[in-house]
Amino acid sequence: AIAEQIQNQGYLYYLIKENNKAIGYYSIIPQDDELFLSKLY
């Protein structure tokens, strides 16, 4: 699902890392005049 969102739906996913360890993530997608924050964990 994540691969599909990135490759075909315009989502940008980011890993949040501290000391080179993944501690969270978020996903955004541009929509007209706004940026939709799809996920933040």
PDB file of all heavy atoms in Angstrom:
ATOM      1  N   ALA A   1       0.831  -1.206   0.000  1.00  0.00           N
ATOM      2  CA  ALA A   1       0.000   0.000   0.000  1.00  0.00           C
ATOM      3  C   ALA A   1       0.866   1.257   0.000  1.00  0.00           C
ATOM      4  O   ALA A   1       0.595   2.215  -0.741  1.00  0.00           O
ATOM      5  CB  ALA A   1      -0.943  -0.001   1.204  1.00  0.00           C
ATOM      6  N   ILE A   2       1.906   1.263   0.816  1.00  0.00           N
ATOM      7  CA  ILE A   2       2.795   2.425   0.872  1.00  0.00           C
ATOM      8  C   ILE A   2       3.507   2.614  -0.464  1.00  0.00           C
ATOM      9  O   ILE A   2       3.591   3.736  -0.984  1.00  0.00           O
ATOM     10  CB  ILE A   2       3.795   2.295   2.038  1.00  0.00           C
ATOM     11  CG1 ILE A   2       3.046   2.376   3.377  1.00  0.00           C
ATOM     12  CG2 ILE A   2       4.890   3.364   1.955  1.00  0.00           C
ATOM     13  CD1 ILE A   2       3.883   2.003   4.594  1.00  0.00           C
ATOM     14  N   ALA A   3       4.003   1.531  -1.034  1.00  0.00           N
ATOM     15  CA  ALA A   3       4.678   1.617  -2.337  1.00  0.00           C
ATOM     16  C   ALA A   3       3.722   2.170  -3.395  1.00  0.00           C
ATOM     17  O   ALA A   3       4.106   3.031  -4.203  1.00  0.00           O
ATOM     18  CB  ALA A   3       5.211   0.248  -2.748  1.00  0.00           C
ATOM     19  N   GLU A   4       2.492   1.693  -3.407  1.00  0.00           N
ATOM     20  CA  GLU A   4       1.489   2.178  -4.363  1.00  0.00           C
ATOM     21  C   GLU A   4       1.220   3.677  -4.159  1.00  0.00           C
ATOM     22  O   GLU A   4       1.131   4.433  -5.128  1.00  0.00           O
ATOM     23  CB  GLU A   4       0.194   1.368  -4.199  1.00  0.00           C
ATOM     24  CG  GLU A   4      -1.026   1.946  -4.895  1.00  0.00           C
ATOM     25  CD  GLU A   4      -0.968   1.957  -6.406  1.00  0.00           C
ATOM     26  OE1 GLU A   4      -0.167   1.202  -7.005  1.00  0.00           O
ATOM     27  OE2 GLU A   4      -1.719   2.746  -7.022  1.00  0.00           O
ATOM     28  N   GLN A   5       1.087   4.089  -2.920  1.00  0.00           N
ATOM     29  CA  GLN A   5       0.825   5.506  -2.635  1.00  0.00           C
ATOM     30  C   GLN A   5       1.979   6.386  -3.118  1.00  0.00           C
ATOM     31  O   GLN A   5       1.753   7.456  -3.689  1.00  0.00           O
ATOM     32  CB  GLN A   5       0.596   5.709  -1.138  1.00  0.00           C
ATOM     33  CG  GLN A   5      -0.704   5.116  -0.638  1.00  0.00           C
ATOM     34  CD  GLN A   5      -0.760   5.048   0.877  1.00  0.00           C
ATOM     35  OE1 GLN A   5      -0.137   5.829   1.575  1.00  0.00           O
ATOM     36  NE2 GLN A   5      -1.528   4.088   1.387  1.00  0.00           N
ATOM     37  N   ILE A   6       3.195   5.934  -2.897  1.00  0.00           N
ATOM     38  CA  ILE A   6       4.366   6.705  -3.310  1.00  0.00           C
ATOM     39  C   ILE A   6       4.486   6.724  -4.836  1.00  0.00           C
ATOM     40  O   ILE A   6       4.689   7.784  -5.440  1.00  0.00           O
ATOM     41  CB  ILE A   6       5.653   6.133  -2.669  1.00  0.00           C
ATOM     42  CG1 ILE A   6       5.650   6.386  -1.156  1.00  0.00           C
ATOM     43  CG2 ILE A   6       6.898   6.734  -3.313  1.00  0.00           C
ATOM     44  CD1 ILE A   6       6.751   5.643  -0.401  1.00  0.00           C
ATOM     45  N   GLN A   7       4.369   5.573  -5.458  1.00  0.00           N
ATOM     46  CA  GLN A   7       4.627   5.454  -6.893  1.00  0.00           C
ATOM     47  C   GLN A   7       3.505   5.998  -7.773  1.00  0.00           C
ATOM     48  O   GLN A   7       3.770   6.520  -8.851  1.00  0.00           O
ATOM     49  CB  GLN A   7       4.899   3.987  -7.245  1.00  0.00           C
ATOM     50  CG  GLN A   7       6.184   3.480  -6.642  1.00  0.00           C
ATOM     51  CD  GLN A   7       6.295   1.959  -6.661  1.00  0.00           C
ATOM     52  OE1 GLN A   7       5.458   1.261  -7.219  1.00  0.00           O
ATOM     53  NE2 GLN A   7       7.338   1.446  -6.027  1.00  0.00           N
ATOM     54  N   ASN A   8       2.259   5.897  -7.312  1.00  0.00           N
ATOM     55  CA  ASN A   8       1.142   6.206  -8.204  1.00  0.00           C
ATOM     56  C   ASN A   8       0.124   7.217  -7.683  1.00  0.00           C
ATOM     57  O   ASN A   8      -0.761   7.614  -8.442  1.00  0.00           O
ATOM     58  CB  ASN A   8       0.401   4.911  -8.573  1.00  0.00           C
ATOM     59  CG  ASN A   8       1.299   3.932  -9.295  1.00  0.00           C
ATOM     60  OD1 ASN A   8       2.046   4.319 -10.190  1.00  0.00           O
ATOM     61  ND2 ASN A   8       1.247   2.680  -8.884  1.00  0.00           N
ATOM     62  N   GLN A   9       0.220   7.610  -6.418  1.00  0.00           N
ATOM     63  CA  GLN A   9      -0.820   8.483  -5.869  1.00  0.00           C
ATOM     64  C   GLN A   9      -0.300   9.831  -5.375  1.00  0.00           C
ATOM     65  O   GLN A   9      -1.065  10.620  -4.829  1.00  0.00           O
ATOM     66  CB  GLN A   9      -1.567   7.753  -4.741  1.00  0.00           C
ATOM     67  CG  GLN A   9      -2.294   6.515  -5.233  1.00  0.00           C
ATOM     68  CD  GLN A   9      -2.966   5.756  -4.098  1.00  0.00           C
ATOM     69  OE1 GLN A   9      -3.298   6.316  -3.061  1.00  0.00           O
ATOM     70  NE2 GLN A   9      -3.160   4.467  -4.296  1.00  0.00           N
ATOM     71  N   GLY A  10       0.987  10.095  -5.526  1.00  0.00           N
ATOM     72  CA  GLY A  10       1.532  11.402  -5.170  1.00  0.00           C
ATOM     73  C   GLY A  10       1.887  11.606  -3.713  1.00  0.00           C
ATOM     74  O   GLY A  10       2.229  12.715  -3.304  1.00  0.00           O
ATOM     75  N   TYR A  11       1.823  10.546  -2.904  1.00  0.00           N
ATOM     76  CA  TYR A  11       2.182  10.663  -1.493  1.00  0.00           C
ATOM     77  C   TYR A  11       3.696  10.769  -1.336  1.00  0.00           C
ATOM     78  O   TYR A  11       4.449  10.109  -2.054  1.00  0.00           O
ATOM     79  CB  TYR A  11       1.714   9.439  -0.700  1.00  0.00           C
ATOM     80  CG  TYR A  11       0.237   9.405  -0.419  1.00  0.00           C
ATOM     81  CD1 TYR A  11      -0.671   9.019  -1.408  1.00  0.00           C
ATOM     82  CD2 TYR A  11      -0.259   9.731   0.835  1.00  0.00           C
ATOM     83  CE1 TYR A  11      -2.025   8.976  -1.155  1.00  0.00           C
ATOM     84  CE2 TYR A  11      -1.622   9.683   1.104  1.00  0.00           C
ATOM     85  CZ  TYR A  11      -2.499   9.307   0.102  1.00  0.00           C
ATOM     86  OH  TYR A  11      -3.841   9.257   0.356  1.00  0.00           O
ATOM     87  N   LEU A  12       4.106  11.558  -0.383  1.00  0.00           N
ATOM     88  CA  LEU A  12       5.503  11.632   0.029  1.00  0.00           C
ATOM     89  C   LEU A  12       5.563  11.126   1.469  1.00  0.00           C
ATOM     90  O   LEU A  12       4.903  11.682   2.353  1.00  0.00           O
ATOM     91  CB  LEU A  12       6.022  13.068  -0.043  1.00  0.00           C
ATOM     92  CG  LEU A  12       5.928  13.744  -1.405  1.00  0.00           C
ATOM     93  CD1 LEU A  12       6.271  15.217  -1.290  1.00  0.00           C
ATOM     94  CD2 LEU A  12       6.832  13.056  -2.411  1.00  0.00           C
ATOM     95  N   TYR A  13       6.317  10.069   1.688  1.00  0.00           N
ATOM     96  CA  TYR A  13       6.510   9.509   3.032  1.00  0.00           C
ATOM     97  C   TYR A  13       7.891   9.905   3.531  1.00  0.00           C
ATOM     98  O   TYR A  13       8.847   9.947   2.752  1.00  0.00           O
ATOM     99  CB  TYR A  13       6.431   7.982   2.999  1.00  0.00           C
ATOM    100  CG  TYR A  13       5.049   7.408   3.143  1.00  0.00           C
ATOM    101  CD1 TYR A  13       4.176   7.363   2.059  1.00  0.00           C
ATOM    102  CD2 TYR A  13       4.604   6.897   4.359  1.00  0.00           C
ATOM    103  CE1 TYR A  13       2.907   6.823   2.179  1.00  0.00           C
ATOM    104  CE2 TYR A  13       3.337   6.354   4.492  1.00  0.00           C
ATOM    105  CZ  TYR A  13       2.499   6.316   3.399  1.00  0.00           C
ATOM    106  OH  TYR A  13       1.238   5.782   3.530  1.00  0.00           O
ATOM    107  N   TYR A  14       7.971  10.158   4.832  1.00  0.00           N
ATOM    108  CA  TYR A  14       9.245  10.479   5.463  1.00  0.00           C
ATOM    109  C   TYR A  14       9.392   9.664   6.739  1.00  0.00           C
ATOM    110  O   TYR A  14       8.448   9.589   7.547  1.00  0.00           O
ATOM    111  CB  TYR A  14       9.312  11.962   5.835  1.00  0.00           C
ATOM    112  CG  TYR A  14       9.452  12.875   4.647  1.00  0.00           C
ATOM    113  CD1 TYR A  14       8.342  13.227   3.882  1.00  0.00           C
ATOM    114  CD2 TYR A  14      10.695  13.385   4.283  1.00  0.00           C
ATOM    115  CE1 TYR A  14       8.473  14.061   2.788  1.00  0.00           C
ATOM    116  CE2 TYR A  14      10.829  14.218   3.192  1.00  0.00           C
ATOM    117  CZ  TYR A  14       9.711  14.553   2.446  1.00  0.00           C
ATOM    118  OH  TYR A  14       9.846  15.385   1.358  1.00  0.00           O
ATOM    119  N   LEU A  15      10.561   9.093   6.913  1.00  0.00           N
ATOM    120  CA  LEU A  15      10.904   8.469   8.191  1.00  0.00           C
ATOM    121  C   LEU A  15      11.466   9.549   9.101  1.00  0.00           C
ATOM    122  O   LEU A  15      12.232  10.416   8.658  1.00  0.00           O
ATOM    123  CB  LEU A  15      11.953   7.374   8.005  1.00  0.00           C
ATOM    124  CG  LEU A  15      11.452   6.053   7.446  1.00  0.00           C
ATOM    125  CD1 LEU A  15      12.621   5.151   7.082  1.00  0.00           C
ATOM    126  CD2 LEU A  15      10.532   5.359   8.450  1.00  0.00           C
ATOM    127  N   ILE A  16      11.088   9.492  10.358  1.00  0.00           N
ATOM    128  CA  ILE A  16      11.666  10.369  11.375  1.00  0.00           C
ATOM    129  C   ILE A  16      12.739   9.548  12.063  1.00  0.00           C
ATOM    130  O   ILE A  16      12.452   8.480  12.617  1.00  0.00           O
ATOM    131  CB  ILE A  16      10.607  10.830  12.392  1.00  0.00           C
ATOM    132  CG1 ILE A  16       9.442  11.526  11.679  1.00  0.00           C
ATOM    133  CG2 ILE A  16      11.245  11.743  13.439  1.00  0.00           C
ATOM    134  CD1 ILE A  16       8.234  11.777  12.570  1.00  0.00           C
ATOM    135  N   LYS A  17      13.975  10.025  11.982  1.00  0.00           N
ATOM    136  CA  LYS A  17      15.089   9.265  12.546  1.00  0.00           C
ATOM    137  C   LYS A  17      15.834  10.094  13.589  1.00  0.00           C
ATOM    138  O   LYS A  17      16.011  11.304  13.430  1.00  0.00           O
ATOM    139  CB  LYS A  17      16.074   8.844  11.454  1.00  0.00           C
ATOM    140  CG  LYS A  17      15.552   7.753  10.548  1.00  0.00           C
ATOM    141  CD  LYS A  17      16.649   7.245   9.645  1.00  0.00           C
ATOM    142  CE  LYS A  17      16.287   5.908   9.047  1.00  0.00           C
ATOM    143  NZ  LYS A  17      17.418   5.332   8.307  1.00  0.00           N
ATOM    144  N   GLU A  18      16.264   9.389  14.614  1.00  0.00           N
ATOM    145  CA  GLU A  18      17.100   9.986  15.647  1.00  0.00           C
ATOM    146  C   GLU A  18      18.226   8.997  15.934  1.00  0.00           C
ATOM    147  O   GLU A  18      17.958   7.810  16.149  1.00  0.00           O
ATOM    148  CB  GLU A  18      16.275  10.268  16.907  1.00  0.00           C
ATOM    149  CG  GLU A  18      17.005  11.123  17.910  1.00  0.00           C
ATOM    150  CD  GLU A  18      16.081  11.574  19.026  1.00  0.00           C
ATOM    151  OE1 GLU A  18      15.513  10.706  19.721  1.00  0.00           O
ATOM    152  OE2 GLU A  18      15.926  12.787  19.193  1.00  0.00           O
ATOM    153  N   ASN A  19      19.445   9.486  15.902  1.00  0.00           N
ATOM    154  CA  ASN A  19      20.612   8.615  16.066  1.00  0.00           C
ATOM    155  C   ASN A  19      20.554   7.434  15.099  1.00  0.00           C
ATOM    156  O   ASN A  19      20.818   6.296  15.462  1.00  0.00           O
ATOM    157  CB  ASN A  19      20.742   8.131  17.511  1.00  0.00           C
ATOM    158  CG  ASN A  19      20.920   9.272  18.476  1.00  0.00           C
ATOM    159  OD1 ASN A  19      21.623  10.239  18.181  1.00  0.00           O
ATOM    160  ND2 ASN A  19      20.281   9.179  19.627  1.00  0.00           N
ATOM    161  N   ASN A  20      20.143   7.718  13.878  1.00  0.00           N
ATOM    162  CA  ASN A  20      20.061   6.741  12.790  1.00  0.00           C
ATOM    163  C   ASN A  20      19.024   5.633  13.032  1.00  0.00           C
ATOM    164  O   ASN A  20      19.057   4.594  12.378  1.00  0.00           O
ATOM    165  CB  ASN A  20      21.440   6.140  12.474  1.00  0.00           C
ATOM    166  CG  ASN A  20      21.556   5.727  11.024  1.00  0.00           C
ATOM    167  OD1 ASN A  20      20.936   6.331  10.144  1.00  0.00           O
ATOM    168  ND2 ASN A  20      22.320   4.687  10.757  1.00  0.00           N
ATOM    169  N   LYS A  21      18.105   5.848  13.977  1.00  0.00           N
ATOM    170  CA  LYS A  21      17.050   4.870  14.259  1.00  0.00           C
ATOM    171  C   LYS A  21      15.701   5.473  13.901  1.00  0.00           C
ATOM    172  O   LYS A  21      15.399   6.618  14.265  1.00  0.00           O
ATOM    173  CB  LYS A  21      17.067   4.488  15.739  1.00  0.00           C
ATOM    174  CG  LYS A  21      16.019   3.464  16.083  1.00  0.00           C
ATOM    175  CD  LYS A  21      16.029   3.102  17.547  1.00  0.00           C
ATOM    176  CE  LYS A  21      14.943   2.079  17.783  1.00  0.00           C
ATOM    177  NZ  LYS A  21      14.611   1.891  19.155  1.00  0.00           N
ATOM    178  N   ALA A  22      14.882   4.705  13.174  1.00  0.00           N
ATOM    179  CA  ALA A  22      13.537   5.162  12.806  1.00  0.00           C
ATOM    180  C   ALA A  22      12.653   5.168  14.042  1.00  0.00           C
ATOM    181  O   ALA A  22      12.483   4.146  14.709  1.00  0.00           O
ATOM    182  CB  ALA A  22      12.948   4.271  11.731  1.00  0.00           C
ATOM    183  N   ILE A  23      12.102   6.354  14.368  1.00  0.00           N
ATOM    184  CA  ILE A  23      11.275   6.510  15.570  1.00  0.00           C
ATOM    185  C   ILE A  23       9.843   6.932  15.242  1.00  0.00           C
ATOM    186  O   ILE A  23       9.008   7.040  16.130  1.00  0.00           O
ATOM    187  CB  ILE A  23      11.907   7.509  16.558  1.00  0.00           C
ATOM    188  CG1 ILE A  23      12.072   8.887  15.897  1.00  0.00           C
ATOM    189  CG2 ILE A  23      13.242   6.971  17.073  1.00  0.00           C
ATOM    190  CD1 ILE A  23      12.487   9.988  16.850  1.00  0.00           C
ATOM    191  N   GLY A  24       9.582   7.167  13.958  1.00  0.00           N
ATOM    192  CA  GLY A  24       8.251   7.568  13.535  1.00  0.00           C
ATOM    193  C   GLY A  24       8.255   7.835  12.042  1.00  0.00           C
ATOM    194  O   GLY A  24       9.268   7.639  11.365  1.00  0.00           O
ATOM    195  N   TYR A  25       7.117   8.285  11.561  1.00  0.00           N
ATOM    196  CA  TYR A  25       7.014   8.594  10.136  1.00  0.00           C
ATOM    197  C   TYR A  25       5.834   9.531   9.911  1.00  0.00           C
ATOM    198  O   TYR A  25       4.955   9.679  10.766  1.00  0.00           O
ATOM    199  CB  TYR A  25       6.856   7.332   9.295  1.00  0.00           C
ATOM    200  CG  TYR A  25       5.533   6.623   9.446  1.00  0.00           C
ATOM    201  CD1 TYR A  25       4.536   6.774   8.491  1.00  0.00           C
ATOM    202  CD2 TYR A  25       5.275   5.804  10.534  1.00  0.00           C
ATOM    203  CE1 TYR A  25       3.332   6.127   8.615  1.00  0.00           C
ATOM    204  CE2 TYR A  25       4.072   5.149  10.673  1.00  0.00           C
ATOM    205  CZ  TYR A  25       3.097   5.318   9.712  1.00  0.00           C
ATOM    206  OH  TYR A  25       1.890   4.673   9.854  1.00  0.00           O
ATOM    207  N   TYR A  26       5.853  10.174   8.752  1.00  0.00           N
ATOM    208  CA  TYR A  26       4.687  10.941   8.336  1.00  0.00           C
ATOM    209  C   TYR A  26       4.546  10.850   6.823  1.00  0.00           C
ATOM    210  O   TYR A  26       5.475  10.447   6.122  1.00  0.00           O
ATOM    211  CB  TYR A  26       4.738  12.397   8.816  1.00  0.00           C
ATOM    212  CG  TYR A  26       5.819  13.252   8.204  1.00  0.00           C
ATOM    213  CD1 TYR A  26       5.598  13.931   7.008  1.00  0.00           C
ATOM    214  CD2 TYR A  26       7.039  13.416   8.831  1.00  0.00           C
ATOM    215  CE1 TYR A  26       6.578  14.739   6.445  1.00  0.00           C
ATOM    216  CE2 TYR A  26       8.027  14.211   8.287  1.00  0.00           C
ATOM    217  CZ  TYR A  26       7.783  14.876   7.097  1.00  0.00           C
ATOM    218  OH  TYR A  26       8.756  15.664   6.551  1.00  0.00           O
ATOM    219  N   SER A  27       3.366  11.222   6.358  1.00  0.00           N
ATOM    220  CA  SER A  27       3.072  11.208   4.937  1.00  0.00           C
ATOM    221  C   SER A  27       2.285  12.462   4.592  1.00  0.00           C
ATOM    222  O   SER A  27       1.380  12.855   5.338  1.00  0.00           O
ATOM    223  CB  SER A  27       2.261   9.965   4.584  1.00  0.00           C
ATOM    224  OG  SER A  27       1.857  10.008   3.236  1.00  0.00           O
ATOM    225  N   ILE A  28       2.647  13.076   3.481  1.00  0.00           N
ATOM    226  CA  ILE A  28       1.954  14.268   2.999  1.00  0.00           C
ATOM    227  C   ILE A  28       1.587  14.075   1.533  1.00  0.00           C
ATOM    228  O   ILE A  28       2.218  13.288   0.829  1.00  0.00           O
ATOM    229  CB  ILE A  28       2.813  15.536   3.171  1.00  0.00           C
ATOM    230  CG1 ILE A  28       4.197  15.356   2.524  1.00  0.00           C
ATOM    231  CG2 ILE A  28       2.934  15.917   4.648  1.00  0.00           C
ATOM    232  CD1 ILE A  28       5.117  16.559   2.591  1.00  0.00           C
ATOM    233  N   ILE A  29       0.563  14.808   1.107  1.00  0.00           N
ATOM    234  CA  ILE A  29       0.182  14.782  -0.305  1.00  0.00           C
ATOM    235  C   ILE A  29      -0.341  16.166  -0.696  1.00  0.00           C
ATOM    236  O   ILE A  29      -1.210  16.718  -0.022  1.00  0.00           O
ATOM    237  CB  ILE A  29      -0.860  13.671  -0.610  1.00  0.00           C
ATOM    238  CG1 ILE A  29      -1.149  13.629  -2.100  1.00  0.00           C
ATOM    239  CG2 ILE A  29      -2.103  13.817   0.212  1.00  0.00           C
ATOM    240  CD1 ILE A  29      -1.908  12.405  -2.563  1.00  0.00           C
ATOM    241  N   PRO A  30       0.222  16.732  -1.749  1.00  0.00           N
ATOM    242  CA  PRO A  30      -0.274  18.021  -2.234  1.00  0.00           C
ATOM    243  C   PRO A  30      -1.692  17.889  -2.786  1.00  0.00           C
ATOM    244  O   PRO A  30      -2.006  16.914  -3.481  1.00  0.00           O
ATOM    245  CB  PRO A  30       0.704  18.370  -3.369  1.00  0.00           C
ATOM    246  CG  PRO A  30       1.914  17.537  -3.118  1.00  0.00           C
ATOM    247  CD  PRO A  30       1.408  16.280  -2.480  1.00  0.00           C
ATOM    248  N   GLN A  31      -2.531  18.868  -2.458  1.00  0.00           N
ATOM    249  CA  GLN A  31      -3.916  18.899  -2.962  1.00  0.00           C
ATOM    250  C   GLN A  31      -4.281  20.355  -3.242  1.00  0.00           C
ATOM    251  O   GLN A  31      -4.613  21.094  -2.322  1.00  0.00           O
ATOM    252  CB  GLN A  31      -4.885  18.314  -1.932  1.00  0.00           C
ATOM    253  CG  GLN A  31      -4.662  16.855  -1.631  1.00  0.00           C
ATOM    254  CD  GLN A  31      -5.642  16.306  -0.612  1.00  0.00           C
ATOM    255  OE1 GLN A  31      -6.177  17.027   0.217  1.00  0.00           O
ATOM    256  NE2 GLN A  31      -5.856  15.006  -0.651  1.00  0.00           N
ATOM    257  N   ASP A  32      -4.228  20.752  -4.486  1.00  0.00           N
ATOM    258  CA  ASP A  32      -4.559  22.118  -4.907  1.00  0.00           C
ATOM    259  C   ASP A  32      -3.745  23.144  -4.113  1.00  0.00           C
ATOM    260  O   ASP A  32      -2.546  23.158  -4.192  1.00  0.00           O
ATOM    261  CB  ASP A  32      -6.068  22.369  -4.807  1.00  0.00           C
ATOM    262  CG  ASP A  32      -6.874  21.416  -5.690  1.00  0.00           C
ATOM    263  OD1 ASP A  32      -6.411  21.131  -6.820  1.00  0.00           O
ATOM    264  OD2 ASP A  32      -7.941  20.951  -5.257  1.00  0.00           O
ATOM    265  N   ASP A  33      -4.436  23.972  -3.290  1.00  0.00           N
ATOM    266  CA  ASP A  33      -3.746  25.025  -2.545  1.00  0.00           C
ATOM    267  C   ASP A  33      -3.348  24.592  -1.134  1.00  0.00           C
ATOM    268  O   ASP A  33      -2.895  25.403  -0.338  1.00  0.00           O
ATOM    269  CB  ASP A  33      -4.617  26.286  -2.474  1.00  0.00           C
ATOM    270  CG  ASP A  33      -5.893  26.081  -1.665  1.00  0.00           C
ATOM    271  OD1 ASP A  33      -6.293  24.909  -1.451  1.00  0.00           O
ATOM    272  OD2 ASP A  33      -6.496  27.084  -1.245  1.00  0.00           O
ATOM    273  N   GLU A  34      -3.519  23.317  -0.832  1.00  0.00           N
ATOM    274  CA  GLU A  34      -3.202  22.856   0.514  1.00  0.00           C
ATOM    275  C   GLU A  34      -2.308  21.619   0.470  1.00  0.00           C
ATOM    276  O   GLU A  34      -2.235  20.907  -0.529  1.00  0.00           O
ATOM    277  CB  GLU A  34      -4.467  22.549   1.307  1.00  0.00           C
ATOM    278  CG  GLU A  34      -5.253  21.359   0.794  1.00  0.00           C
ATOM    279  CD  GLU A  34      -6.581  21.182   1.511  1.00  0.00           C
ATOM    280  OE1 GLU A  34      -7.395  22.129   1.517  1.00  0.00           O
ATOM    281  OE2 GLU A  34      -6.796  20.084   2.067  1.00  0.00           O
ATOM    282  N   LEU A  35      -1.653  21.401   1.581  1.00  0.00           N
ATOM    283  CA  LEU A  35      -0.852  20.198   1.768  1.00  0.00           C
ATOM    284  C   LEU A  35      -1.583  19.353   2.802  1.00  0.00           C
ATOM    285  O   LEU A  35      -1.854  19.831   3.912  1.00  0.00           O
ATOM    286  CB  LEU A  35       0.551  20.567   2.259  1.00  0.00           C
ATOM    287  CG  LEU A  35       1.553  19.429   2.318  1.00  0.00           C
ATOM    288  CD1 LEU A  35       1.855  18.895   0.923  1.00  0.00           C
ATOM    289  CD2 LEU A  35       2.847  19.909   2.972  1.00  0.00           C
ATOM    290  N   PHE A  36      -1.944  18.130   2.423  1.00  0.00           N
ATOM    291  CA  PHE A  36      -2.669  17.244   3.330  1.00  0.00           C
ATOM    292  C   PHE A  36      -1.673  16.389   4.089  1.00  0.00           C
ATOM    293  O   PHE A  36      -0.863  15.680   3.491  1.00  0.00           O
ATOM    294  CB  PHE A  36      -3.649  16.364   2.553  1.00  0.00           C
ATOM    295  CG  PHE A  36      -4.471  15.460   3.426  1.00  0.00           C
ATOM    296  CD1 PHE A  36      -5.419  15.981   4.287  1.00  0.00           C
ATOM    297  CD2 PHE A  36      -4.278  14.094   3.399  1.00  0.00           C
ATOM    298  CE1 PHE A  36      -6.174  15.148   5.109  1.00  0.00           C
ATOM    299  CE2 PHE A  36      -5.027  13.250   4.213  1.00  0.00           C
ATOM    300  CZ  PHE A  36      -5.977  13.779   5.069  1.00  0.00           C
ATOM    301  N   LEU A  37      -1.717  16.483   5.406  1.00  0.00           N
ATOM    302  CA  LEU A  37      -0.892  15.655   6.286  1.00  0.00           C
ATOM    303  C   LEU A  37      -1.684  14.381   6.538  1.00  0.00           C
ATOM    304  O   LEU A  37      -2.604  14.347   7.348  1.00  0.00           O
ATOM    305  CB  LEU A  37      -0.581  16.400   7.586  1.00  0.00           C
ATOM    306  CG  LEU A  37       0.164  15.638   8.678  1.00  0.00           C
ATOM    307  CD1 LEU A  37       1.468  15.050   8.171  1.00  0.00           C
ATOM    308  CD2 LEU A  37       0.398  16.546   9.879  1.00  0.00           C
ATOM    309  N   SER A  38      -1.341  13.343   5.800  1.00  0.00           N
ATOM    310  CA  SER A  38      -2.100  12.105   5.819  1.00  0.00           C
ATOM    311  C   SER A  38      -1.816  11.274   7.068  1.00  0.00           C
ATOM    312  O   SER A  38      -2.706  10.631   7.611  1.00  0.00           O
ATOM    313  CB  SER A  38      -1.778  11.298   4.563  1.00  0.00           C
ATOM    314  OG  SER A  38      -2.413  10.050   4.582  1.00  0.00           O
ATOM    315  N   LYS A  39      -0.553  11.273   7.489  1.00  0.00           N
ATOM    316  CA  LYS A  39      -0.153  10.447   8.620  1.00  0.00           C
ATOM    317  C   LYS A  39       0.978  11.136   9.368  1.00  0.00           C
ATOM    318  O   LYS A  39       1.850  11.731   8.747  1.00  0.00           O
ATOM    319  CB  LYS A  39       0.347   9.074   8.144  1.00  0.00           C
ATOM    320  CG  LYS A  39      -0.705   8.262   7.411  1.00  0.00           C
ATOM    321  CD  LYS A  39      -0.087   7.316   6.404  1.00  0.00           C
ATOM    322  CE  LYS A  39      -1.128   6.651   5.551  1.00  0.00           C
ATOM    323  NZ  LYS A  39      -1.700   7.512   4.529  1.00  0.00           N
ATOM    324  N   LEU A  40       0.948  11.041  10.690  1.00  0.00           N
ATOM    325  CA  LEU A  40       2.063  11.481  11.527  1.00  0.00           C
ATOM    326  C   LEU A  40       2.037  10.628  12.780  1.00  0.00           C
ATOM    327  O   LEU A  40       1.116  10.726  13.593  1.00  0.00           O
ATOM    328  CB  LEU A  40       1.947  12.964  11.893  1.00  0.00           C
ATOM    329  CG  LEU A  40       2.961  13.501  12.912  1.00  0.00           C
ATOM    330  CD1 LEU A  40       4.400  13.242  12.475  1.00  0.00           C
ATOM    331  CD2 LEU A  40       2.734  14.977  13.170  1.00  0.00           C
ATOM    332  N   TYR A  41       3.024   9.751  12.889  1.00  0.00           N
ATOM    333  CA  TYR A  41       3.063   8.807  13.996  1.00  0.00           C
ATOM    334  C   TYR A  41       4.458   8.740  14.589  1.00  0.00           C
ATOM    335  O   TYR A  41       5.452   8.693  13.862  1.00  0.00           O
ATOM    336  CB  TYR A  41       2.638   7.401  13.523  1.00  0.00           C
ATOM    337  CG  TYR A  41       1.247   7.399  12.956  1.00  0.00           C
ATOM    338  CD1 TYR A  41       1.024   7.321  11.592  1.00  0.00           C
ATOM    339  CD2 TYR A  41       0.149   7.511  13.800  1.00  0.00           C
ATOM    340  CE1 TYR A  41      -0.258   7.346  11.067  1.00  0.00           C
ATOM    341  CE2 TYR A  41      -1.136   7.543  13.283  1.00  0.00           C
ATOM    342  CZ  TYR A  41      -1.333   7.455  11.928  1.00  0.00           C
ATOM    343  OH  TYR A  41      -2.605   7.497  11.423  1.00  0.00           O
TER     344      TYR A  41
END
